[in-house]
Amino acid sequence: MSPQQYANQGIVTGAMLQSGLFAPVGIMNLYQFRSGGALDAQYQGGIENYAYTAYANYAYGVYLAAAGLTLDEALTAAGAYGGGRYGPDGPSSPDPNYPSLPMANVQNITQGYLDYYRGTLCTPQ
C-alpha cells in the first residue's frame, strides 16, 4: 500500500477510536501491524522481507498520525510490541528514549508521522 492508503485507513481508525462505540474495532485495526498482519508492509507475499523494515515503520507512523494519536503514543505502542520481539536484551541499537525499539525504527516512525502532518508523504518505489 502507498503512504496515502495508510493515511486513509488511519483516518477511518481514528474516527472509530474517537466515537467510543467502535473503539474496540479501531484497536483491532492497530493489531493488524503485527508481524504478518494485514497492515504489515514488511511482509511481501507471505514472507518477511527485512528490506521493507524502514518503510513498514514509516507507514506505521503515517497511519497513527492520521488516526490522531500523538507521536509519543505511537512510539510507546511500538515499544510495547517491540519489547516482545527483541527479547530481554532489547534491540542491538536501542533508541535512548524508547529502549525497546531500534533507533532506526524510531526515526522511521517519526519521519512518517511528521510527513503526514507536513503533507509530504513519500512516494513508494
PDB file of N, CA and C in Angstrom:
ATOM      1  N   MET A   1       0.842  -1.186   0.000  1.00  0.00           N
ATOM      2  CA  MET A   1       0.000   0.000   0.000  1.00  0.00           C
ATOM      3  C   MET A   1       0.886   1.247   0.000  1.00  0.00           C
ATOM      4  N   SER A   2       0.356   2.314  -0.544  1.00  0.00           N
ATOM      5  CA  SER A   2       1.074   3.579  -0.564  1.00  0.00           C
ATOM      6  C   SER A   2       0.903   4.293   0.774  1.00  0.00           C
ATOM      7  N   PRO A   3       1.746   5.283   1.062  1.00  0.00           N
ATOM      8  CA  PRO A   3       1.569   6.058   2.295  1.00  0.00           C
ATOM      9  C   PRO A   3       0.182   6.699   2.371  1.00  0.00           C
ATOM     10  N   GLN A   4      -0.346   7.167   1.243  1.00  0.00           N
ATOM     11  CA  GLN A   4      -1.672   7.782   1.256  1.00  0.00           C
ATOM     12  C   GLN A   4      -2.743   6.755   1.634  1.00  0.00           C
ATOM     13  N   GLN A   5      -2.581   5.509   1.186  1.00  0.00           N
ATOM     14  CA  GLN A   5      -3.534   4.463   1.564  1.00  0.00           C
ATOM     15  C   GLN A   5      -3.463   4.178   3.064  1.00  0.00           C
ATOM     16  N   TYR A   6      -2.245   4.171   3.622  1.00  0.00           N
ATOM     17  CA  TYR A   6      -2.117   4.018   5.076  1.00  0.00           C
ATOM     18  C   TYR A   6      -2.777   5.188   5.796  1.00  0.00           C
ATOM     19  N   ALA A   7      -2.587   6.392   5.283  1.00  0.00           N
ATOM     20  CA  ALA A   7      -3.201   7.571   5.893  1.00  0.00           C
ATOM     21  C   ALA A   7      -4.725   7.458   5.854  1.00  0.00           C
ATOM     22  N   ASN A   8      -5.278   7.058   4.719  1.00  0.00           N
ATOM     23  CA  ASN A   8      -6.729   6.921   4.597  1.00  0.00           C
ATOM     24  C   ASN A   8      -7.274   5.907   5.598  1.00  0.00           C
ATOM     25  N   GLN A   9      -6.592   4.794   5.751  1.00  0.00           N
ATOM     26  CA  GLN A   9      -7.039   3.786   6.717  1.00  0.00           C
ATOM     27  C   GLN A   9      -6.886   4.303   8.149  1.00  0.00           C
ATOM     28  N   GLY A  10      -5.820   5.071   8.393  1.00  0.00           N
ATOM     29  CA  GLY A  10      -5.628   5.656   9.713  1.00  0.00           C
ATOM     30  C   GLY A  10      -6.733   6.624  10.078  1.00  0.00           C
ATOM     31  N   ILE A  11      -7.195   7.392   9.113  1.00  0.00           N
ATOM     32  CA  ILE A  11      -8.295   8.329   9.355  1.00  0.00           C
ATOM     33  C   ILE A  11      -9.544   7.572   9.790  1.00  0.00           C
ATOM     34  N   VAL A  12      -9.834   6.471   9.121  1.00  0.00           N
ATOM     35  CA  VAL A  12     -11.002   5.645   9.477  1.00  0.00           C
ATOM     36  C   VAL A  12     -10.841   5.090  10.894  1.00  0.00           C
ATOM     37  N   THR A  13      -9.660   4.581  11.207  1.00  0.00           N
ATOM     38  CA  THR A  13      -9.404   4.040  12.553  1.00  0.00           C
ATOM     39  C   THR A  13      -9.538   5.132  13.600  1.00  0.00           C
ATOM     40  N   GLY A  14      -9.020   6.328  13.311  1.00  0.00           N
ATOM     41  CA  GLY A  14      -9.136   7.437  14.245  1.00  0.00           C
ATOM     42  C   GLY A  14     -10.580   7.790  14.536  1.00  0.00           C
ATOM     43  N   ALA A  15     -11.416   7.775  13.504  1.00  0.00           N
ATOM     44  CA  ALA A  15     -12.841   8.050  13.702  1.00  0.00           C
ATOM     45  C   ALA A  15     -13.474   6.991  14.590  1.00  0.00           C
ATOM     46  N   MET A  16     -13.078   5.741  14.400  1.00  0.00           N
ATOM     47  CA  MET A  16     -13.601   4.658  15.241  1.00  0.00           C
ATOM     48  C   MET A  16     -13.163   4.842  16.692  1.00  0.00           C
ATOM     49  N   LEU A  17     -11.895   5.179  16.883  1.00  0.00           N
ATOM     50  CA  LEU A  17     -11.383   5.353  18.245  1.00  0.00           C
ATOM     51  C   LEU A  17     -12.071   6.519  18.945  1.00  0.00           C
ATOM     52  N   GLN A  18     -12.311   7.604  18.223  1.00  0.00           N
ATOM     53  CA  GLN A  18     -12.934   8.775  18.828  1.00  0.00           C
ATOM     54  C   GLN A  18     -14.416   8.583  19.092  1.00  0.00           C
ATOM     55  N   SER A  19     -15.070   7.731  18.323  1.00  0.00           N
ATOM     56  CA  SER A  19     -16.503   7.531  18.507  1.00  0.00           C
ATOM     57  C   SER A  19     -16.810   6.809  19.813  1.00  0.00           C
ATOM     58  N   GLY A  20     -15.850   6.075  20.329  1.00  0.00           N
ATOM     59  CA  GLY A  20     -16.084   5.315  21.550  1.00  0.00           C
ATOM     60  C   GLY A  20     -16.835   4.031  21.272  1.00  0.00           C
ATOM     61  N   LEU A  21     -17.869   4.121  20.481  1.00  0.00           N
ATOM     62  CA  LEU A  21     -18.698   2.967  20.174  1.00  0.00           C
ATOM     63  C   LEU A  21     -17.909   1.912  19.402  1.00  0.00           C
ATOM     64  N   PHE A  22     -17.056   2.364  18.500  1.00  0.00           N
ATOM     65  CA  PHE A  22     -16.284   1.446  17.671  1.00  0.00           C
ATOM     66  C   PHE A  22     -14.827   1.360  18.108  1.00  0.00           C
ATOM     67  N   ALA A  23     -14.504   1.853  19.302  1.00  0.00           N
ATOM     68  CA  ALA A  23     -13.116   1.859  19.771  1.00  0.00           C
ATOM     69  C   ALA A  23     -12.480   0.467  19.744  1.00  0.00           C
ATOM     70  N   PRO A  24     -13.168  -0.596  20.159  1.00  0.00           N
ATOM     71  CA  PRO A  24     -12.531  -1.931  20.075  1.00  0.00           C
ATOM     72  C   PRO A  24     -12.141  -2.303  18.640  1.00  0.00           C
ATOM     73  N   VAL A  25     -12.956  -1.914  17.664  1.00  0.00           N
ATOM     74  CA  VAL A  25     -12.634  -2.201  16.263  1.00  0.00           C
ATOM     75  C   VAL A  25     -11.389  -1.407  15.865  1.00  0.00           C
ATOM     76  N   GLY A  26     -11.303  -0.139  16.291  1.00  0.00           N
ATOM     77  CA  GLY A  26     -10.135   0.682  15.998  1.00  0.00           C
ATOM     78  C   GLY A  26      -8.873   0.098  16.581  1.00  0.00           C
ATOM     79  N   ILE A  27      -8.958  -0.413  17.791  1.00  0.00           N
ATOM     80  CA  ILE A  27      -7.792  -1.030  18.430  1.00  0.00           C
ATOM     81  C   ILE A  27      -7.403  -2.298  17.682  1.00  0.00           C
ATOM     82  N   MET A  28      -8.375  -3.062  17.243  1.00  0.00           N
ATOM     83  CA  MET A  28      -8.074  -4.269  16.467  1.00  0.00           C
ATOM     84  C   MET A  28      -7.394  -3.908  15.144  1.00  0.00           C
ATOM     85  N   ASN A  29      -7.748  -2.759  14.558  1.00  0.00           N
ATOM     86  CA  ASN A  29      -7.079  -2.335  13.337  1.00  0.00           C
ATOM     87  C   ASN A  29      -5.600  -2.107  13.607  1.00  0.00           C
ATOM     88  N   LEU A  30      -5.249  -1.544  14.753  1.00  0.00           N
ATOM     89  CA  LEU A  30      -3.843  -1.337  15.108  1.00  0.00           C
ATOM     90  C   LEU A  30      -3.114  -2.668  15.205  1.00  0.00           C
ATOM     91  N   TYR A  31      -3.819  -3.683  15.658  1.00  0.00           N
ATOM     92  CA  TYR A  31      -3.232  -5.019  15.791  1.00  0.00           C
ATOM     93  C   TYR A  31      -2.798  -5.575  14.431  1.00  0.00           C
ATOM     94  N   GLN A  32      -3.351  -5.066  13.361  1.00  0.00           N
ATOM     95  CA  GLN A  32      -3.011  -5.555  12.030  1.00  0.00           C
ATOM     96  C   GLN A  32      -1.589  -5.177  11.598  1.00  0.00           C
ATOM     97  N   PHE A  33      -0.897  -4.342  12.409  1.00  0.00           N
ATOM     98  CA  PHE A  33       0.501  -4.026  12.129  1.00  0.00           C
ATOM     99  C   PHE A  33       1.450  -5.091  12.678  1.00  0.00           C
ATOM    100  N   ARG A  34       0.907  -6.065  13.400  1.00  0.00           N
ATOM    101  CA  ARG A  34       1.766  -7.118  13.950  1.00  0.00           C
ATOM    102  C   ARG A  34       2.480  -7.833  12.810  1.00  0.00           C
ATOM    103  N   SER A  35       3.491  -8.561  13.152  1.00  0.00           N
ATOM    104  CA  SER A  35       4.272  -9.300  12.165  1.00  0.00           C
ATOM    105  C   SER A  35       3.363 -10.223  11.356  1.00  0.00           C
ATOM    106  N   GLY A  36       3.300  -9.999  10.055  1.00  0.00           N
ATOM    107  CA  GLY A  36       2.457 -10.795   9.176  1.00  0.00           C
ATOM    108  C   GLY A  36       1.022 -10.336   9.098  1.00  0.00           C
ATOM    109  N   GLY A  37       0.664  -9.275   9.838  1.00  0.00           N
ATOM    110  CA  GLY A  37      -0.702  -8.751   9.815  1.00  0.00           C
ATOM    111  C   GLY A  37      -1.020  -8.057   8.499  1.00  0.00           C
ATOM    112  N   ALA A  38      -2.283  -7.759   8.300  1.00  0.00           N
ATOM    113  CA  ALA A  38      -2.740  -7.172   7.043  1.00  0.00           C
ATOM    114  C   ALA A  38      -2.103  -5.814   6.750  1.00  0.00           C
ATOM    115  N   LEU A  39      -1.683  -5.073   7.769  1.00  0.00           N
ATOM    116  CA  LEU A  39      -1.081  -3.753   7.554  1.00  0.00           C
ATOM    117  C   LEU A  39       0.442  -3.776   7.687  1.00  0.00           C
ATOM    118  N   ASP A  40       1.028  -4.941   7.850  1.00  0.00           N
ATOM    119  CA  ASP A  40       2.483  -5.053   7.987  1.00  0.00           C
ATOM    120  C   ASP A  40       3.137  -4.971   6.611  1.00  0.00           C
ATOM    121  N   ALA A  41       3.727  -3.812   6.307  1.00  0.00           N
ATOM    122  CA  ALA A  41       4.360  -3.592   4.997  1.00  0.00           C
ATOM    123  C   ALA A  41       5.648  -4.389   4.825  1.00  0.00           C
ATOM    124  N   GLN A  42       6.100  -5.024   5.889  1.00  0.00           N
ATOM    125  CA  GLN A  42       7.343  -5.787   5.808  1.00  0.00           C
ATOM    126  C   GLN A  42       7.124  -7.169   5.206  1.00  0.00           C
ATOM    127  N   TYR A  43       5.886  -7.608   5.138  1.00  0.00           N
ATOM    128  CA  TYR A  43       5.577  -8.914   4.559  1.00  0.00           C
ATOM    129  C   TYR A  43       5.221  -8.748   3.095  1.00  0.00           C
ATOM    130  N   GLN A  44       5.886  -9.471   2.258  1.00  0.00           N
ATOM    131  CA  GLN A  44       5.636  -9.441   0.823  1.00  0.00           C
ATOM    132  C   GLN A  44       5.366 -10.875   0.371  1.00  0.00           C
ATOM    133  N   GLY A  45       4.169 -11.130  -0.036  1.00  0.00           N
ATOM    134  CA  GLY A  45       3.827 -12.474  -0.496  1.00  0.00           C
ATOM    135  C   GLY A  45       3.952 -13.517   0.592  1.00  0.00           C
ATOM    136  N   GLY A  46       3.658 -13.144   1.845  1.00  0.00           N
ATOM    137  CA  GLY A  46       3.708 -14.079   2.956  1.00  0.00           C
ATOM    138  C   GLY A  46       5.084 -14.303   3.536  1.00  0.00           C
ATOM    139  N   ILE A  47       6.080 -13.569   3.052  1.00  0.00           N
ATOM    140  CA  ILE A  47       7.450 -13.732   3.541  1.00  0.00           C
ATOM    141  C   ILE A  47       7.925 -12.411   4.142  1.00  0.00           C
ATOM    142  N   GLU A  48       8.517 -12.491   5.335  1.00  0.00           N
ATOM    143  CA  GLU A  48       9.051 -11.291   5.964  1.00  0.00           C
ATOM    144  C   GLU A  48      10.293 -10.849   5.196  1.00  0.00           C
ATOM    145  N   ASN A  49      10.269  -9.618   4.715  1.00  0.00           N
ATOM    146  CA  ASN A  49      11.353  -9.084   3.910  1.00  0.00           C
ATOM    147  C   ASN A  49      11.945  -7.883   4.650  1.00  0.00           C
ATOM    148  N   TYR A  50      13.125  -8.061   5.216  1.00  0.00           N
ATOM    149  CA  TYR A  50      13.722  -7.014   6.028  1.00  0.00           C
ATOM    150  C   TYR A  50      14.124  -5.786   5.218  1.00  0.00           C
ATOM    151  N   ALA A  51      14.129  -5.902   3.892  1.00  0.00           N
ATOM    152  CA  ALA A  51      14.407  -4.736   3.058  1.00  0.00           C
ATOM    153  C   ALA A  51      13.301  -3.690   3.202  1.00  0.00           C
ATOM    154  N   TYR A  52      12.136  -4.111   3.684  1.00  0.00           N
ATOM    155  CA  TYR A  52      10.999  -3.205   3.836  1.00  0.00           C
ATOM    156  C   TYR A  52      10.805  -2.722   5.268  1.00  0.00           C
ATOM    157  N   THR A  53      11.745  -2.983   6.158  1.00  0.00           N
ATOM    158  CA  THR A  53      11.605  -2.592   7.559  1.00  0.00           C
ATOM    159  C   THR A  53      11.425  -1.088   7.706  1.00  0.00           C
ATOM    160  N   ALA A  54      12.245  -0.305   7.029  1.00  0.00           N
ATOM    161  CA  ALA A  54      12.151   1.155   7.141  1.00  0.00           C
ATOM    162  C   ALA A  54      10.782   1.640   6.669  1.00  0.00           C
ATOM    163  N   TYR A  55      10.320   1.117   5.540  1.00  0.00           N
ATOM    164  CA  TYR A  55       9.017   1.536   5.025  1.00  0.00           C
ATOM    165  C   TYR A  55       7.885   1.094   5.946  1.00  0.00           C
ATOM    166  N   ALA A  56       7.982  -0.095   6.500  1.00  0.00           N
ATOM    167  CA  ALA A  56       6.944  -0.582   7.413  1.00  0.00           C
ATOM    168  C   ALA A  56       6.811   0.347   8.614  1.00  0.00           C
ATOM    169  N   ASN A  57       7.923   0.792   9.161  1.00  0.00           N
ATOM    170  CA  ASN A  57       7.875   1.715  10.292  1.00  0.00           C
ATOM    171  C   ASN A  57       7.377   3.092   9.870  1.00  0.00           C
ATOM    172  N   TYR A  58       7.773   3.538   8.695  1.00  0.00           N
ATOM    173  CA  TYR A  58       7.303   4.804   8.148  1.00  0.00           C
ATOM    174  C   TYR A  58       5.773   4.764   7.994  1.00  0.00           C
ATOM    175  N   ALA A  59       5.257   3.695   7.395  1.00  0.00           N
ATOM    176  CA  ALA A  59       3.821   3.546   7.169  1.00  0.00           C
ATOM    177  C   ALA A  59       3.062   3.525   8.492  1.00  0.00           C
ATOM    178  N   TYR A  60       3.628   2.880   9.495  1.00  0.00           N
ATOM    179  CA  TYR A  60       3.026   2.857  10.837  1.00  0.00           C
ATOM    180  C   TYR A  60       2.911   4.279  11.385  1.00  0.00           C
ATOM    181  N   GLY A  61       3.969   5.074  11.217  1.00  0.00           N
ATOM    182  CA  GLY A  61       3.930   6.465  11.682  1.00  0.00           C
ATOM    183  C   GLY A  61       2.874   7.277  10.957  1.00  0.00           C
ATOM    184  N   VAL A  62       2.755   7.096   9.646  1.00  0.00           N
ATOM    185  CA  VAL A  62       1.730   7.783   8.855  1.00  0.00           C
ATOM    186  C   VAL A  62       0.346   7.401   9.359  1.00  0.00           C
ATOM    187  N   TYR A  63       0.125   6.111   9.519  1.00  0.00           N
ATOM    188  CA  TYR A  63      -1.177   5.586   9.929  1.00  0.00           C
ATOM    189  C   TYR A  63      -1.615   6.164  11.280  1.00  0.00           C
ATOM    190  N   LEU A  64      -0.700   6.153  12.249  1.00  0.00           N
ATOM    191  CA  LEU A  64      -1.085   6.619  13.587  1.00  0.00           C
ATOM    192  C   LEU A  64      -1.225   8.130  13.654  1.00  0.00           C
ATOM    193  N   ALA A  65      -0.467   8.856  12.846  1.00  0.00           N
ATOM    194  CA  ALA A  65      -0.676  10.306  12.770  1.00  0.00           C
ATOM    195  C   ALA A  65      -2.069  10.584  12.218  1.00  0.00           C
ATOM    196  N   ALA A  66      -2.441   9.881  11.149  1.00  0.00           N
ATOM    197  CA  ALA A  66      -3.759  10.059  10.540  1.00  0.00           C
ATOM    198  C   ALA A  66      -4.877   9.648  11.497  1.00  0.00           C
ATOM    199  N   ALA A  67      -4.603   8.673  12.357  1.00  0.00           N
ATOM    200  CA  ALA A  67      -5.593   8.217  13.329  1.00  0.00           C
ATOM    201  C   ALA A  67      -5.750   9.195  14.494  1.00  0.00           C
ATOM    202  N   GLY A  68      -4.849  10.169  14.595  1.00  0.00           N
ATOM    203  CA  GLY A  68      -4.970  11.190  15.637  1.00  0.00           C
ATOM    204  C   GLY A  68      -4.220  10.890  16.915  1.00  0.00           C
ATOM    205  N   LEU A  69      -3.383   9.870  16.927  1.00  0.00           N
ATOM    206  CA  LEU A  69      -2.586   9.586  18.111  1.00  0.00           C
ATOM    207  C   LEU A  69      -1.389  10.538  18.154  1.00  0.00           C
ATOM    208  N   THR A  70      -0.850  10.744  19.336  1.00  0.00           N
ATOM    209  CA  THR A  70       0.348  11.558  19.456  1.00  0.00           C
ATOM    210  C   THR A  70       1.552  10.720  19.027  1.00  0.00           C
ATOM    211  N   LEU A  71       2.637  11.395  18.729  1.00  0.00           N
ATOM    212  CA  LEU A  71       3.857  10.673  18.368  1.00  0.00           C
ATOM    213  C   LEU A  71       4.319   9.803  19.532  1.00  0.00           C
ATOM    214  N   ASP A  72       4.213  10.320  20.750  1.00  0.00           N
ATOM    215  CA  ASP A  72       4.606   9.525  21.913  1.00  0.00           C
ATOM    216  C   ASP A  72       3.735   8.269  22.041  1.00  0.00           C
ATOM    217  N   GLU A  73       2.438   8.396  21.803  1.00  0.00           N
ATOM    218  CA  GLU A  73       1.562   7.217  21.857  1.00  0.00           C
ATOM    219  C   GLU A  73       1.945   6.203  20.788  1.00  0.00           C
ATOM    220  N   ALA A  74       2.264   6.689  19.597  1.00  0.00           N
ATOM    221  CA  ALA A  74       2.658   5.793  18.513  1.00  0.00           C
ATOM    222  C   ALA A  74       3.940   5.047  18.865  1.00  0.00           C
ATOM    223  N   LEU A  75       4.921   5.763  19.399  1.00  0.00           N
ATOM    224  CA  LEU A  75       6.204   5.140  19.743  1.00  0.00           C
ATOM    225  C   LEU A  75       6.085   4.243  20.968  1.00  0.00           C
ATOM    226  N   THR A  76       5.268   4.632  21.924  1.00  0.00           N
ATOM    227  CA  THR A  76       5.061   3.797  23.110  1.00  0.00           C
ATOM    228  C   THR A  76       4.394   2.480  22.716  1.00  0.00           C
ATOM    229  N   ALA A  77       3.396   2.544  21.833  1.00  0.00           N
ATOM    230  CA  ALA A  77       2.729   1.321  21.365  1.00  0.00           C
ATOM    231  C   ALA A  77       3.712   0.439  20.600  1.00  0.00           C
ATOM    232  N   ALA A  78       4.529   1.050  19.745  1.00  0.00           N
ATOM    233  CA  ALA A  78       5.533   0.276  19.004  1.00  0.00           C
ATOM    234  C   ALA A  78       6.531  -0.347  19.968  1.00  0.00           C
ATOM    235  N   GLY A  79       6.902   0.392  21.009  1.00  0.00           N
ATOM    236  CA  GLY A  79       7.833  -0.130  22.007  1.00  0.00           C
ATOM    237  C   GLY A  79       7.260  -1.291  22.788  1.00  0.00           C
ATOM    238  N   ALA A  80       5.970  -1.214  23.094  1.00  0.00           N
ATOM    239  CA  ALA A  80       5.323  -2.312  23.819  1.00  0.00           C
ATOM    240  C   ALA A  80       5.360  -3.581  22.963  1.00  0.00           C
ATOM    241  N   TYR A  81       5.125  -3.427  21.677  1.00  0.00           N
ATOM    242  CA  TYR A  81       5.196  -4.568  20.770  1.00  0.00           C
ATOM    243  C   TYR A  81       6.651  -4.999  20.578  1.00  0.00           C
ATOM    244  N   GLY A  82       7.532  -4.042  20.390  1.00  0.00           N
ATOM    245  CA  GLY A  82       8.948  -4.333  20.157  1.00  0.00           C
ATOM    246  C   GLY A  82       9.612  -5.041  21.320  1.00  0.00           C
ATOM    247  N   GLY A  83       9.169  -4.731  22.541  1.00  0.00           N
ATOM    248  CA  GLY A  83       9.747  -5.377  23.717  1.00  0.00           C
ATOM    249  C   GLY A  83       9.607  -6.885  23.655  1.00  0.00           C
ATOM    250  N   GLY A  84       8.499  -7.339  23.105  1.00  0.00           N
ATOM    251  CA  GLY A  84       8.298  -8.773  22.960  1.00  0.00           C
ATOM    252  C   GLY A  84       9.054  -9.355  21.785  1.00  0.00           C
ATOM    253  N   ARG A  85       9.349  -8.546  20.808  1.00  0.00           N
ATOM    254  CA  ARG A  85      10.030  -9.033  19.602  1.00  0.00           C
ATOM    255  C   ARG A  85      11.533  -9.162  19.766  1.00  0.00           C
ATOM    256  N   TYR A  86      12.126  -8.281  20.545  1.00  0.00           N
ATOM    257  CA  TYR A  86      13.579  -8.267  20.652  1.00  0.00           C
ATOM    258  C   TYR A  86      14.108  -9.025  21.863  1.00  0.00           C
ATOM    259  N   GLY A  87      13.222  -9.482  22.722  1.00  0.00           N
ATOM    260  CA  GLY A  87      13.645 -10.282  23.862  1.00  0.00           C
ATOM    261  C   GLY A  87      14.169  -9.443  25.017  1.00  0.00           C
ATOM    262  N   PRO A  88      14.647 -10.093  26.065  1.00  0.00           N
ATOM    263  CA  PRO A  88      15.031  -9.397  27.294  1.00  0.00           C
ATOM    264  C   PRO A  88      16.215  -8.449  27.130  1.00  0.00           C
ATOM    265  N   ASP A  89      17.075  -8.695  26.148  1.00  0.00           N
ATOM    266  CA  ASP A  89      18.235  -7.819  25.955  1.00  0.00           C
ATOM    267  C   ASP A  89      17.919  -6.619  25.077  1.00  0.00           C
ATOM    268  N   GLY A  90      16.752  -6.607  24.456  1.00  0.00           N
ATOM    269  CA  GLY A  90      16.356  -5.490  23.608  1.00  0.00           C
ATOM    270  C   GLY A  90      17.086  -5.497  22.273  1.00  0.00           C
ATOM    271  N   PRO A  91      16.834  -4.467  21.463  1.00  0.00           N
ATOM    272  CA  PRO A  91      17.478  -4.386  20.148  1.00  0.00           C
ATOM    273  C   PRO A  91      18.960  -4.057  20.275  1.00  0.00           C
ATOM    274  N   SER A  92      19.708  -4.290  19.205  1.00  0.00           N
ATOM    275  CA  SER A  92      21.153  -4.070  19.251  1.00  0.00           C
ATOM    276  C   SER A  92      21.521  -2.593  19.280  1.00  0.00           C
ATOM    277  N   SER A  93      20.736  -1.720  18.670  1.00  0.00           N
ATOM    278  CA  SER A  93      20.991  -0.269  18.692  1.00  0.00           C
ATOM    279  C   SER A  93      19.754   0.439  19.226  1.00  0.00           C
ATOM    280  N   PRO A  94      19.505   0.348  20.545  1.00  0.00           N
ATOM    281  CA  PRO A  94      18.270   0.889  21.091  1.00  0.00           C
ATOM    282  C   PRO A  94      18.208   2.413  21.046  1.00  0.00           C
ATOM    283  N   ASP A  95      17.006   2.924  20.897  1.00  0.00           N
ATOM    284  CA  ASP A  95      16.787   4.359  20.976  1.00  0.00           C
ATOM    285  C   ASP A  95      16.880   4.772  22.447  1.00  0.00           C
ATOM    286  N   PRO A  96      17.510   5.895  22.760  1.00  0.00           N
ATOM    287  CA  PRO A  96      17.654   6.295  24.161  1.00  0.00           C
ATOM    288  C   PRO A  96      16.320   6.594  24.859  1.00  0.00           C
ATOM    289  N   ASN A  97      15.313   7.059  24.108  1.00  0.00           N
ATOM    290  CA  ASN A  97      14.025   7.385  24.721  1.00  0.00           C
ATOM    291  C   ASN A  97      13.030   6.233  24.685  1.00  0.00           C
ATOM    292  N   TYR A  98      13.209   5.336  23.742  1.00  0.00           N
ATOM    293  CA  TYR A  98      12.338   4.164  23.587  1.00  0.00           C
ATOM    294  C   TYR A  98      13.242   2.938  23.468  1.00  0.00           C
ATOM    295  N   PRO A  99      13.847   2.494  24.581  1.00  0.00           N
ATOM    296  CA  PRO A  99      14.895   1.474  24.531  1.00  0.00           C
ATOM    297  C   PRO A  99      14.462   0.101  24.028  1.00  0.00           C
ATOM    298  N   SER A 100      13.166  -0.158  23.940  1.00  0.00           N
ATOM    299  CA  SER A 100      12.749  -1.455  23.403  1.00  0.00           C
ATOM    300  C   SER A 100      12.635  -1.417  21.875  1.00  0.00           C
ATOM    301  N   LEU A 101      12.993  -0.268  21.282  1.00  0.00           N
ATOM    302  CA  LEU A 101      12.971  -0.127  19.824  1.00  0.00           C
ATOM    303  C   LEU A 101      14.351   0.234  19.298  1.00  0.00           C
ATOM    304  N   PRO A 102      14.703  -0.269  18.126  1.00  0.00           N
ATOM    305  CA  PRO A 102      15.942   0.192  17.496  1.00  0.00           C
ATOM    306  C   PRO A 102      15.814   1.683  17.133  1.00  0.00           C
ATOM    307  N   MET A 103      16.912   2.391  17.207  1.00  0.00           N
ATOM    308  CA  MET A 103      16.924   3.814  16.890  1.00  0.00           C
ATOM    309  C   MET A 103      16.390   4.067  15.474  1.00  0.00           C
ATOM    310  N   ALA A 104      16.741   3.214  14.529  1.00  0.00           N
ATOM    311  CA  ALA A 104      16.278   3.387  13.146  1.00  0.00           C
ATOM    312  C   ALA A 104      14.758   3.300  13.053  1.00  0.00           C
ATOM    313  N   ASN A 105      14.145   2.396  13.818  1.00  0.00           N
ATOM    314  CA  ASN A 105      12.687   2.275  13.800  1.00  0.00           C
ATOM    315  C   ASN A 105      12.035   3.549  14.310  1.00  0.00           C
ATOM    316  N   VAL A 106      12.564   4.097  15.395  1.00  0.00           N
ATOM    317  CA  VAL A 106      12.029   5.339  15.958  1.00  0.00           C
ATOM    318  C   VAL A 106      12.150   6.463  14.929  1.00  0.00           C
ATOM    319  N   GLN A 107      13.281   6.536  14.259  1.00  0.00           N
ATOM    320  CA  GLN A 107      13.479   7.578  13.252  1.00  0.00           C
ATOM    321  C   GLN A 107      12.497   7.433  12.095  1.00  0.00           C
ATOM    322  N   ASN A 108      12.255   6.213  11.645  1.00  0.00           N
ATOM    323  CA  ASN A 108      11.338   5.998  10.521  1.00  0.00           C
ATOM    324  C   ASN A 108       9.881   6.230  10.914  1.00  0.00           C
ATOM    325  N   ILE A 109       9.490   5.815  12.102  1.00  0.00           N
ATOM    326  CA  ILE A 109       8.132   6.086  12.589  1.00  0.00           C
ATOM    327  C   ILE A 109       7.934   7.593  12.699  1.00  0.00           C
ATOM    328  N   THR A 110       8.920   8.277  13.276  1.00  0.00           N
ATOM    329  CA  THR A 110       8.837   9.725  13.440  1.00  0.00           C
ATOM    330  C   THR A 110       8.749  10.418  12.083  1.00  0.00           C
ATOM    331  N   GLN A 111       9.531   9.970  11.121  1.00  0.00           N
ATOM    332  CA  GLN A 111       9.504  10.584   9.785  1.00  0.00           C
ATOM    333  C   GLN A 111       8.133  10.429   9.143  1.00  0.00           C
ATOM    334  N   GLY A 112       7.552   9.232   9.214  1.00  0.00           N
ATOM    335  CA  GLY A 112       6.218   9.018   8.656  1.00  0.00           C
ATOM    336  C   GLY A 112       5.181   9.882   9.346  1.00  0.00           C
ATOM    337  N   TYR A 113       5.287   9.965  10.662  1.00  0.00           N
ATOM    338  CA  TYR A 113       4.353  10.770  11.459  1.00  0.00           C
ATOM    339  C   TYR A 113       4.429  12.241  11.038  1.00  0.00           C
ATOM    340  N   LEU A 114       5.640  12.769  10.975  1.00  0.00           N
ATOM    341  CA  LEU A 114       5.825  14.176  10.622  1.00  0.00           C
ATOM    342  C   LEU A 114       5.450  14.448   9.161  1.00  0.00           C
ATOM    343  N   ASP A 115       5.799  13.530   8.261  1.00  0.00           N
ATOM    344  CA  ASP A 115       5.453  13.715   6.853  1.00  0.00           C
ATOM    345  C   ASP A 115       3.948  13.791   6.657  1.00  0.00           C
ATOM    346  N   TYR A 116       3.196  13.024   7.442  1.00  0.00           N
ATOM    347  CA  TYR A 116       1.732  13.103   7.342  1.00  0.00           C
ATOM    348  C   TYR A 116       1.268  14.520   7.659  1.00  0.00           C
ATOM    349  N   TYR A 117       1.742  15.067   8.749  1.00  0.00           N
ATOM    350  CA  TYR A 117       1.302  16.408   9.159  1.00  0.00           C
ATOM    351  C   TYR A 117       1.844  17.506   8.254  1.00  0.00           C
ATOM    352  N   ARG A 118       2.976  17.282   7.636  1.00  0.00           N
ATOM    353  CA  ARG A 118       3.558  18.278   6.719  1.00  0.00           C
ATOM    354  C   ARG A 118       2.952  18.169   5.312  1.00  0.00           C
ATOM    355  N   GLY A 119       2.248  17.080   5.058  1.00  0.00           N
ATOM    356  CA  GLY A 119       1.719  16.861   3.716  1.00  0.00           C
ATOM    357  C   GLY A 119       2.789  16.479   2.719  1.00  0.00           C
ATOM    358  N   THR A 120       3.843  15.818   3.219  1.00  0.00           N
ATOM    359  CA  THR A 120       4.975  15.440   2.361  1.00  0.00           C
ATOM    360  C   THR A 120       5.225  13.939   2.387  1.00  0.00           C
ATOM    361  N   LEU A 121       4.175  13.157   2.220  1.00  0.00           N
ATOM    362  CA  LEU A 121       4.330  11.699   2.250  1.00  0.00           C
ATOM    363  C   LEU A 121       5.255  11.233   1.142  1.00  0.00           C
ATOM    364  N   CYS A 122       6.061  10.223   1.445  1.00  0.00           N
ATOM    365  CA  CYS A 122       7.000   9.703   0.459  1.00  0.00           C
ATOM    366  C   CYS A 122       6.237   9.024  -0.675  1.00  0.00           C
ATOM    367  N   THR A 123       6.920   8.796  -1.753  1.00  0.00           N
ATOM    368  CA  THR A 123       6.349   8.097  -2.901  1.00  0.00           C
ATOM    369  C   THR A 123       6.949   6.691  -2.911  1.00  0.00           C
ATOM    370  N   PRO A 124       6.100   5.654  -2.933  1.00  0.00           N
ATOM    371  CA  PRO A 124       6.643   4.287  -2.949  1.00  0.00           C
ATOM    372  C   PRO A 124       7.501   4.055  -4.180  1.00  0.00           C
ATOM    373  N   GLN A 125       8.551   3.257  -4.017  1.00  0.00           N
ATOM    374  CA  GLN A 125       9.463   2.978  -5.125  1.00  0.00           C
ATOM    375  C   GLN A 125       9.396   1.530  -5.524  1.00  0.00           C
TER     376      GLN A 125
END
